[in-house]
Structure formats: structure tokens, C-alpha cells
C-alpha atoms as a PDB file:
ATOM      1  CA  MET A   1      -3.917  -6.645   5.390  1.00  0.00           C
ATOM      2  CA  GLN A   2      -4.260  -2.856   5.281  1.00  0.00           C
ATOM      3  CA  ALA A   3      -2.069  -2.608   8.365  1.00  0.00           C
ATOM      4  CA  LEU A   4       0.510  -4.926   6.802  1.00  0.00           C
ATOM      5  CA  ALA A   5       0.544  -2.838   3.623  1.00  0.00           C
ATOM      6  CA  ARG A   6       1.226   0.286   5.674  1.00  0.00           C
ATOM      7  CA  LEU A   7       3.997  -1.534   7.537  1.00  0.00           C
ATOM      8  CA  TYR A   8       5.651  -2.669   4.298  1.00  0.00           C
ATOM      9  CA  GLU A   9       5.274   0.825   2.852  1.00  0.00           C
ATOM     10  CA  ALA A  10       7.029   2.315   5.854  1.00  0.00           C
ATOM     11  CA  SER A  11       9.830  -0.247   5.908  1.00  0.00           C
ATOM     12  CA  HIS A  12      10.386  -0.884   2.171  1.00  0.00           C
ATOM     13  CA  GLY A  13       8.501   1.775   0.213  1.00  0.00           C
ATOM     14  CA  ALA A  14      11.524   4.076  -0.135  1.00  0.00           C
ATOM     15  CA  SER A  15      13.829   1.295  -1.352  1.00  0.00           C
ATOM     16  CA  THR A  16      14.942   1.046  -4.974  1.00  0.00           C
ATOM     17  CA  PRO A  17      12.676  -0.917  -7.328  1.00  0.00           C
ATOM     18  CA  GLN A  18      15.311  -3.644  -7.529  1.00  0.00           C
ATOM     19  CA  GLU A  19      15.451  -3.923  -3.741  1.00  0.00           C
ATOM     20  CA  ILE A  20      11.652  -4.014  -3.497  1.00  0.00           C
ATOM     21  CA  ILE A  21      11.439  -6.789  -6.089  1.00  0.00           C
ATOM     22  CA  ALA A  22      14.174  -8.859  -4.465  1.00  0.00           C
ATOM     23  CA  GLN A  23      12.604  -8.474  -1.032  1.00  0.00           C
ATOM     24  CA  ALA A  24       9.149  -9.427  -2.303  1.00  0.00           C
ATOM     25  CA  VAL A  25      10.226 -12.355  -4.500  1.00  0.00           C
ATOM     26  CA  GLN A  26      12.895 -13.876  -2.276  1.00  0.00           C
ATOM     27  CA  GLU A  27      11.571 -13.160   1.216  1.00  0.00           C
ATOM     28  CA  LEU A  28       8.177 -11.567   1.833  1.00  0.00           C
ATOM     29  CA  PHE A  29       6.217 -13.686  -0.671  1.00  0.00           C
ATOM     30  CA  ALA A  30       8.715 -16.331  -1.796  1.00  0.00           C
ATOM     31  CA  GLY A  31       7.000 -18.851  -4.080  1.00  0.00           C
ATOM     32  CA  ARG A  32       3.671 -17.027  -3.754  1.00  0.00           C
ATOM     33  CA  ILE A  33       4.090 -14.005  -6.027  1.00  0.00           C
ATOM     34  CA  ALA A  34       3.576 -13.182  -9.707  1.00  0.00           C
ATOM     35  CA  VAL A  35       3.818 -10.131 -11.937  1.00  0.00           C
ATOM     36  CA  VAL A  36       1.022  -8.870 -14.160  1.00  0.00           C
ATOM     37  CA  SER A  37       2.326  -7.344 -17.376  1.00  0.00           C
ATOM     38  CA  SER A  38       0.607  -5.827 -20.396  1.00  0.00           C
ATOM     39  CA  PHE A  39       3.847  -5.996 -22.408  1.00  0.00           C
ATOM     40  CA  GLY A  40       3.118  -2.368 -23.167  1.00  0.00           C
ATOM     41  CA  ALA A  41       5.158   0.767 -23.727  1.00  0.00           C
ATOM     42  CA  GLU A  42       7.119   0.616 -20.453  1.00  0.00           C
ATOM     43  CA  SER A  43       6.868  -3.048 -19.501  1.00  0.00           C
ATOM     44  CA  ALA A  44      10.455  -3.935 -20.369  1.00  0.00           C
ATOM     45  CA  VAL A  45      11.945  -2.128 -17.376  1.00  0.00           C
ATOM     46  CA  LEU A  46      10.011  -3.970 -14.673  1.00  0.00           C
ATOM     47  CA  LEU A  47      10.319  -7.321 -16.453  1.00  0.00           C
ATOM     48  CA  HIS A  48      14.089  -6.860 -16.831  1.00  0.00           C
ATOM     49  CA  MET A  49      14.410  -6.175 -13.104  1.00  0.00           C
ATOM     50  CA  ILE A  50      12.314  -9.220 -12.228  1.00  0.00           C
ATOM     51  CA  ALA A  51      14.246 -11.470 -14.604  1.00  0.00           C
ATOM     52  CA  ALA A  52      17.467 -10.402 -12.879  1.00  0.00           C
ATOM     53  CA  VAL A  53      16.063 -11.571  -9.532  1.00  0.00           C
ATOM     54  CA  ASP A  54      14.222 -14.724 -10.668  1.00  0.00           C
ATOM     55  CA  PRO A  55      13.389 -15.356 -14.340  1.00  0.00           C
ATOM     56  CA  ALA A  56      11.013 -18.148 -13.261  1.00  0.00           C
ATOM     57  CA  THR A  57       8.655 -15.658 -11.583  1.00  0.00           C
ATOM     58  CA  PRO A  58       5.187 -16.179 -13.129  1.00  0.00           C
ATOM     59  CA  VAL A  59       4.351 -13.418 -15.625  1.00  0.00           C
ATOM     60  CA  LEU A  60       0.601 -13.081 -16.188  1.00  0.00           C
ATOM     61  CA  PHE A  61      -0.404 -11.602 -19.552  1.00  0.00           C
ATOM     62  CA  LEU A  62      -4.081 -10.828 -20.096  1.00  0.00           C
ATOM     63  CA  ASP A  63      -4.630 -11.923 -23.690  1.00  0.00           C
ATOM     64  CA  THR A  64      -7.902 -10.120 -24.305  1.00  0.00           C
ATOM     65  CA  GLY A  65      -8.161 -11.132 -27.937  1.00  0.00           C
ATOM     66  CA  ARG A  66      -8.201  -7.429 -28.837  1.00  0.00           C
ATOM     67  CA  HIS A  67      -4.509  -6.550 -28.612  1.00  0.00           C
ATOM     68  CA  PHE A  68      -2.526  -4.899 -31.381  1.00  0.00           C
ATOM     69  CA  ARG A  69      -0.556  -7.463 -33.380  1.00  0.00           C
ATOM     70  CA  ALA A  70       2.536  -5.424 -32.461  1.00  0.00           C
ATOM     71  CA  THR A  71       1.884  -6.104 -28.766  1.00  0.00           C
ATOM     72  CA  LEU A  72       1.689  -9.856 -29.284  1.00  0.00           C
ATOM     73  CA  GLU A  73       4.916  -9.818 -31.292  1.00  0.00           C
ATOM     74  CA  TYR A  74       6.591  -7.647 -28.656  1.00  0.00           C
ATOM     75  CA  ARG A  75       5.461 -10.053 -25.929  1.00  0.00           C
ATOM     76  CA  LYS A  76       7.284 -12.881 -27.682  1.00  0.00           C
ATOM     77  CA  THR A  77      10.397 -10.814 -28.409  1.00  0.00           C
ATOM     78  CA  LEU A  78      10.707  -9.440 -24.888  1.00  0.00           C
ATOM     79  CA  ALA A  79      10.105 -12.779 -23.163  1.00  0.00           C
ATOM     80  CA  GLU A  80      12.824 -14.396 -25.254  1.00  0.00           C
ATOM     81  CA  ARG A  81      15.245 -11.503 -24.829  1.00  0.00           C
ATOM     82  CA  LEU A  82      14.882 -11.417 -21.036  1.00  0.00           C
ATOM     83  CA  GLY A  83      14.802 -15.191 -20.598  1.00  0.00           C
ATOM     84  CA  LEU A  84      11.426 -15.183 -18.863  1.00  0.00           C
ATOM     85  CA  GLN A  85      10.626 -18.796 -18.089  1.00  0.00           C
ATOM     86  CA  ASN A  86       6.989 -18.706 -17.034  1.00  0.00           C
ATOM     87  CA  VAL A  87       4.884 -16.333 -19.132  1.00  0.00           C
ATOM     88  CA  GLN A  88       1.231 -17.323 -18.890  1.00  0.00           C
ATOM     89  CA  ASP A  89      -1.441 -16.158 -21.342  1.00  0.00           C
ATOM     90  CA  ILE A  90      -4.642 -15.531 -19.394  1.00  0.00           C
ATOM     91  CA  LEU A  91      -7.730 -15.748 -21.608  1.00  0.00           C
ATOM     92  CA  PRO A  92     -11.350 -14.634 -21.173  1.00  0.00           C
ATOM     93  CA  LEU A  93     -13.915 -17.354 -20.556  1.00  0.00           C
ATOM     94  CA  GLY A  94     -15.163 -18.645 -23.895  1.00  0.00           C
ATOM     95  CA  GLU A  95     -18.745 -19.066 -22.725  1.00  0.00           C
ATOM     96  CA  MET A  96     -18.841 -15.497 -21.393  1.00  0.00           C
ATOM     97  CA  LEU A  97     -17.561 -14.093 -24.694  1.00  0.00           C
ATOM     98  CA  LYS A  98     -20.043 -16.171 -26.661  1.00  0.00           C
ATOM     99  CA  LYS A  99     -22.937 -14.984 -24.543  1.00  0.00           C
ATOM    100  CA  GLU A 100     -22.121 -11.303 -24.110  1.00  0.00           C
ATOM    101  CA  ASP A 101     -19.812 -10.370 -26.987  1.00  0.00           C
ATOM    102  CA  PRO A 102     -20.479 -12.786 -29.858  1.00  0.00           C
ATOM    103  CA  PHE A 103     -19.553 -10.238 -32.539  1.00  0.00           C
ATOM    104  CA  GLY A 104     -16.606  -8.618 -30.718  1.00  0.00           C
ATOM    105  CA  ALA A 105     -18.318  -5.224 -30.623  1.00  0.00           C
ATOM    106  CA  LEU A 106     -19.070  -4.896 -26.899  1.00  0.00           C
ATOM    107  CA  SER A 107     -16.361  -2.237 -26.443  1.00  0.00           C
ATOM    108  CA  MET A 108     -18.427   0.146 -28.576  1.00  0.00           C
ATOM    109  CA  ILE A 109     -21.558  -0.072 -26.438  1.00  0.00           C
ATOM    110  CA  ASP A 110     -20.387  -0.996 -22.928  1.00  0.00           C
ATOM    111  CA  LYS A 111     -16.680  -0.464 -22.286  1.00  0.00           C
ATOM    112  CA  ASP A 112     -16.886  -1.360 -18.594  1.00  0.00           C
ATOM    113  CA  ARG A 113     -18.520  -4.708 -19.289  1.00  0.00           C
ATOM    114  CA  CYS A 114     -16.054  -5.458 -22.062  1.00  0.00           C
ATOM    115  CA  CYS A 115     -13.157  -4.783 -19.695  1.00  0.00           C
ATOM    116  CA  PHE A 116     -14.762  -6.947 -17.035  1.00  0.00           C
ATOM    117  CA  ILE A 117     -15.114  -9.914 -19.372  1.00  0.00           C
ATOM    118  CA  ARG A 118     -11.721  -9.573 -21.017  1.00  0.00           C
ATOM    119  CA  LYS A 119      -9.615  -8.282 -18.115  1.00  0.00           C
ATOM    120  CA  VAL A 120     -11.134  -8.169 -14.628  1.00  0.00           C
ATOM    121  CA  GLU A 121     -12.602 -11.673 -14.543  1.00  0.00           C
ATOM    122  CA  PRO A 122      -9.509 -13.306 -16.114  1.00  0.00           C
ATOM    123  CA  MET A 123      -7.250 -11.287 -13.803  1.00  0.00           C
ATOM    124  CA  ALA A 124      -9.116 -12.502 -10.726  1.00  0.00           C
ATOM    125  CA  ARG A 125      -8.672 -16.103 -11.819  1.00  0.00           C
ATOM    126  CA  ALA A 126      -5.008 -15.526 -12.575  1.00  0.00           C
ATOM    127  CA  VAL A 127      -3.993 -13.952  -9.250  1.00  0.00           C
ATOM    128  CA  ALA A 128      -6.210 -16.099  -7.020  1.00  0.00           C
ATOM    129  CA  PRO A 129      -3.462 -18.700  -6.360  1.00  0.00           C
ATOM    130  CA  PHE A 130      -0.945 -16.055  -5.264  1.00  0.00           C
ATOM    131  CA  ALA A 131      -0.420 -14.067  -2.071  1.00  0.00           C
ATOM    132  CA  ALA A 132       0.850 -11.033  -3.970  1.00  0.00           C
ATOM    133  CA  TRP A 133       1.442  -9.675  -7.430  1.00  0.00           C
ATOM    134  CA  MET A 134       3.514  -6.858  -8.914  1.00  0.00           C
ATOM    135  CA  THR A 135       2.457  -4.241 -11.463  1.00  0.00           C
ATOM    136  CA  GLY A 136       4.234  -1.587 -13.499  1.00  0.00           C
ATOM    137  CA  ARG A 137       2.042   1.345 -12.423  1.00  0.00           C
ATOM    138  CA  LYS A 138       3.705   4.713 -11.754  1.00  0.00           C
ATOM    139  CA  GLN A 139       2.522   7.902 -10.055  1.00  0.00           C
ATOM    140  CA  PHE A 140       3.368  10.140 -13.009  1.00  0.00           C
ATOM    141  CA  GLN A 141       1.194   8.255 -15.494  1.00  0.00           C
ATOM    142  CA  ALA A 142      -2.031  10.077 -14.662  1.00  0.00           C
ATOM    143  CA  ALA A 143      -3.602  12.352 -12.071  1.00  0.00           C
ATOM    144  CA  THR A 144      -5.578   9.368 -10.766  1.00  0.00           C
ATOM    145  CA  ARG A 145      -2.291   7.650  -9.815  1.00  0.00           C
ATOM    146  CA  ALA A 146      -0.508  10.631  -8.260  1.00  0.00           C
ATOM    147  CA  THR A 147      -0.583   9.187  -4.728  1.00  0.00           C
ATOM    148  CA  LEU A 148       0.019   5.564  -5.691  1.00  0.00           C
ATOM    149  CA  ALA A 149       1.722   3.575  -2.934  1.00  0.00           C
ATOM    150  CA  VAL A 150       4.296   0.838  -3.463  1.00  0.00           C
ATOM    151  CA  PHE A 151       2.347  -1.626  -1.304  1.00  0.00           C
ATOM    152  CA  GLU A 152      -1.445  -1.892  -1.509  1.00  0.00           C
ATOM    153  CA  ALA A 153      -3.836  -4.311   0.154  1.00  0.00           C
ATOM    154  CA  VAL A 154      -6.319  -6.033  -2.149  1.00  0.00           C
ATOM    155  CA  GLY A 155      -8.528  -8.038   0.171  1.00  0.00           C
ATOM    156  CA  PRO A 156      -6.254 -10.646   1.773  1.00  0.00           C
ATOM    157  CA  ARG A 157      -3.558 -10.165  -0.890  1.00  0.00           C
ATOM    158  CA  MET A 158      -0.859  -7.601  -1.607  1.00  0.00           C
ATOM    159  CA  ARG A 159      -0.384  -5.603  -4.786  1.00  0.00           C
ATOM    160  CA  ILE A 160       3.128  -4.222  -5.211  1.00  0.00           C
ATOM    161  CA  ASN A 161       4.108  -1.345  -7.491  1.00  0.00           C
ATOM    162  CA  PRO A 162       7.948  -1.302  -7.438  1.00  0.00           C
ATOM    163  CA  LEU A 163       8.185   1.572  -9.947  1.00  0.00           C
ATOM    164  CA  ALA A 164       5.540   3.760  -8.295  1.00  0.00           C
ATOM    165  CA  ARG A 165       7.898   6.659  -7.582  1.00  0.00           C
ATOM    166  CA  TRP A 166       9.971   6.486 -10.752  1.00  0.00           C
ATOM    167  CA  GLN A 167       9.687   9.229 -13.358  1.00  0.00           C
ATOM    168  CA  ALA A 168       9.726   8.946 -17.155  1.00  0.00           C
ATOM    169  CA  ALA A 169      13.383   9.987 -17.190  1.00  0.00           C
ATOM    170  CA  ASP A 170      14.280   7.126 -14.828  1.00  0.00           C
ATOM    171  CA  LEU A 171      12.596   4.597 -17.100  1.00  0.00           C
ATOM    172  CA  LYS A 172      14.270   6.010 -20.204  1.00  0.00           C
ATOM    173  CA  ALA A 173      17.718   5.959 -18.601  1.00  0.00           C
ATOM    174  CA  TYR A 174      17.300   2.383 -17.370  1.00  0.00           C
ATOM    175  CA  ALA A 175      16.029   1.133 -20.722  1.00  0.00           C
ATOM    176  CA  GLU A 176      18.919   2.768 -22.541  1.00  0.00           C
ATOM    177  CA  GLN A 177      21.481   1.501 -20.040  1.00  0.00           C
ATOM    178  CA  HIS A 178      20.325  -2.075 -20.558  1.00  0.00           C
ATOM    179  CA  ASP A 179      19.537  -1.712 -24.271  1.00  0.00           C
ATOM    180  CA  LEU A 180      15.978  -2.929 -23.806  1.00  0.00           C
ATOM    181  CA  PRO A 181      13.785  -3.407 -26.901  1.00  0.00           C
ATOM    182  CA  VAL A 182      10.965  -0.887 -27.207  1.00  0.00           C
ATOM    183  CA  HIS A 183       7.350  -1.520 -28.107  1.00  0.00           C
ATOM    184  CA  PRO A 184       6.990  -0.758 -31.844  1.00  0.00           C
ATOM    185  CA  LEU A 185       3.954   1.482 -31.317  1.00  0.00           C
ATOM    186  CA  THR A 186       5.804   3.975 -29.097  1.00  0.00           C
ATOM    187  CA  ALA A 187       7.362   5.463 -32.245  1.00  0.00           C
ATOM    188  CA  GLU A 188       3.823   6.306 -33.395  1.00  0.00           C
ATOM    189  CA  GLY A 189       2.938   8.249 -30.247  1.00  0.00           C
ATOM    190  CA  TYR A 190       1.363   5.479 -28.186  1.00  0.00           C
ATOM    191  CA  ARG A 191       2.459   5.945 -24.573  1.00  0.00           C
ATOM    192  CA  SER A 192      -0.024   3.614 -22.864  1.00  0.00           C
ATOM    193  CA  ILE A 193      -1.014   0.615 -24.942  1.00  0.00           C
ATOM    194  CA  GLY A 194      -4.080  -1.484 -24.285  1.00  0.00           C
ATOM    195  CA  CYS A 195      -6.672  -3.097 -26.530  1.00  0.00           C
ATOM    196  CA  MET A 196      -6.734  -1.855 -30.110  1.00  0.00           C
ATOM    197  CA  PRO A 197     -10.351  -0.554 -30.209  1.00  0.00           C
ATOM    198  CA  CYS A 198      -9.854   1.606 -27.100  1.00  0.00           C
ATOM    199  CA  THR A 199      -6.329   2.998 -27.572  1.00  0.00           C
ATOM    200  CA  ARG A 200      -5.061   5.978 -29.558  1.00  0.00           C
ATOM    201  CA  PRO A 201      -1.768   7.929 -29.635  1.00  0.00           C
ATOM    202  CA  VAL A 202      -1.216  10.569 -26.939  1.00  0.00           C
ATOM    203  CA  TYR A 203      -0.982  14.212 -27.958  1.00  0.00           C
ATOM    204  CA  GLU A 204       1.379  16.884 -26.670  1.00  0.00           C
ATOM    205  CA  GLY A 205       0.517  18.005 -23.138  1.00  0.00           C
ATOM    206  CA  GLU A 206      -1.795  15.080 -22.364  1.00  0.00           C
ATOM    207  CA  ASP A 207      -1.457  12.583 -19.524  1.00  0.00           C
ATOM    208  CA  GLN A 208       0.370   9.434 -20.497  1.00  0.00           C
ATOM    209  CA  ARG A 209      -2.894   7.472 -20.301  1.00  0.00           C
ATOM    210  CA  ALA A 210      -5.026  10.002 -22.206  1.00  0.00           C
ATOM    211  CA  GLY A 211      -5.070   7.693 -25.198  1.00  0.00           C
ATOM    212  CA  ARG A 212      -6.981   5.010 -23.313  1.00  0.00           C
ATOM    213  CA  TRP A 213     -10.785   5.086 -23.729  1.00  0.00           C
ATOM    214  CA  ALA A 214     -10.508   8.591 -25.206  1.00  0.00           C
ATOM    215  CA  GLY A 215     -13.822  10.427 -25.450  1.00  0.00           C
ATOM    216  CA  SER A 216     -15.297   8.644 -22.442  1.00  0.00           C
ATOM    217  CA  GLU A 217     -15.098   9.135 -18.690  1.00  0.00           C
ATOM    218  CA  LYS A 218     -13.389   5.776 -18.249  1.00  0.00           C
ATOM    219  CA  THR A 219      -9.780   5.967 -16.977  1.00  0.00           C
ATOM    220  CA  GLU A 220      -9.031   2.411 -15.765  1.00  0.00           C
ATOM    221  CA  CYS A 221      -9.920  -1.026 -17.088  1.00  0.00           C
ATOM    222  CA  GLY A 222     -10.788  -2.200 -13.578  1.00  0.00           C
ATOM    223  CA  ILE A 223      -8.026  -4.670 -12.750  1.00  0.00           C
ATOM    224  CA  HIS A 224      -6.579  -2.169 -10.277  1.00  0.00           C
ATOM    225  CA  LEU A 225      -9.941  -1.145  -8.777  1.00  0.00           C
ATOM    226  CA  SER A 226     -12.366  -2.571  -6.220  1.00  0.00           C
ATOM    227  CA  GLY A 227     -14.125  -4.714  -8.817  1.00  0.00           C
ATOM    228  CA  LEU A 228     -11.184  -7.096  -8.772  1.00  0.00           C
ATOM    229  CA  THR A 229     -11.527  -7.594  -5.019  1.00  0.00           C
ATOM    230  CA  ASP A 230     -15.223  -8.281  -5.449  1.00  0.00           C
ATOM    231  CA  ARG A 231     -14.560 -10.809  -8.179  1.00  0.00           C
ATOM    232  CA  LEU A 232     -11.957 -12.597  -6.053  1.00  0.00           C
ATOM    233  CA  LYS A 233     -14.515 -12.884  -3.290  1.00  0.00           C
ATOM    234  CA  ASN A 234     -17.061 -14.270  -5.721  1.00  0.00           C
ATOM    235  CA  LEU A 235     -14.576 -16.888  -6.860  1.00  0.00           C
ATOM    236  CA  GLY A 236     -14.352 -18.033  -3.269  1.00  0.00           C
ATOM    237  CA  ALA A 237     -10.607 -17.347  -3.185  1.00  0.00           C
ATOM    238  CA  SER A 238      -9.036 -18.289   0.106  1.00  0.00           C
ATOM    239  CA  ASP A 239      -6.828 -16.136   2.304  1.00  0.00           C
ATOM    240  CA  GLN A 240      -3.260 -16.460   1.019  1.00  0.00           C
ATOM    241  CA  THR A 241      -1.538 -14.598   3.861  1.00  0.00           C
END
């Protein structure tokens, strides 16, 4: 799969996001692809592009139970506005929450485990039936994403980042051109919006994702890291290629 990812990167990586989405949805992974969306600060752009290609594309939303109310309201507003036909709320396992986070305070003592229970494990279950999924990650968001490729191998599956090479100005121009609704919290300085206990506004001069897990060394929830691959293996997911 690594070789295939490099091949796709060479042949399609320089295409426009719209071309990448159309190629992936209609040809490369037709009927076997989804998009994972946080319905966060910049989600509208990618979802608008996908809706223009196929509004029935499965949209996987990790409902962690810890989102801002504004995010849940925005999810509903944006899905209706774009005509998304297959938004799926992916929930943590009830028995796992009951056992390991009965009081909802795990994020204060073990952020990695909290993210695993509420994001990584549900994400693995959600993408297991698909051959590929798309994300809204961009290179400019943080130093840790500076070399992000459009096509990445995740075990036997493909992760596609159509907006990887876009800049903030590109997103702003597209959103304005198409009059896309904005997440309410962006007006308060939130530039990357995750779970309420672990998200704060971003200050001048900081990376876009500096408001996530501020004060700790944590920079990613884990759904884009190797832990997801490991969890897919543990689920006994079959090769979808």
C-alpha cells in the first residue's frame, strides 16, 4: 500500500482538491470511501467540495460526548445547508466509558487514554468497512504537518488529504466565494476546535492547533497516528484493497 500511495501522490497529488476528490470518489475508491469530519473551524470547505461530487458520500463524525454545543449545532446546520445525505455519528463504546471514565474526568488525568476511548477506537470501527477515507488536514496547520502528503497508506487502506497543500488564504477565499457558514466559535479565536475540556482559543503568533491540549506535550488525538493502524489490526479488519 505504501507503493500505491506514492504512485497516487505522483500522479494525482498536484491536482486541485476538487479533482482529487472526484478521482477518489468516482474512480479510485468508488463506493468504498468516506470522509471523516470534525465539523470544526474549516470543515465547511472540504464538505462543500465533497457534496458537489457526491452528497451521499458517508460523512463520519466522532461524537465524543465532549464537544462544544456550538459544534453540534454547526454540524446540523452545515449538513442541512450542503445537502449531505449520509452523516453518521460515531460514538464511543458505552461499556468502555463506564469502566474507564465513569465521571467524565479522564481528560484531566490521562489525555491519551481519553482520546483513545472517545476517538481512536470509534474511528477504527468507523473506517474499517472502507478502503479509503478523506480528511481535512493541511500542511500549514502545525509544524508536525508541514510535510503532509495528499495520499497516505494506513495499513491496507488509504488516507487522503485533498486540502493538504492549501493555505489559510485559499480556504478563506473559497468559503467566501460559496458563502459557507462559519463555526460560531471562530469569532472567539478558536482556530482548531476539538473537545471542550481540551480546547482553548489560539493567540497571536501561535500555530493554528496551539489551542489543542495546551500546556501538555500532546499535539494529536491519535486518529491520524499509528495507534489507529494498530487498532484496526486488533479489530481483525480485512484488506479492503
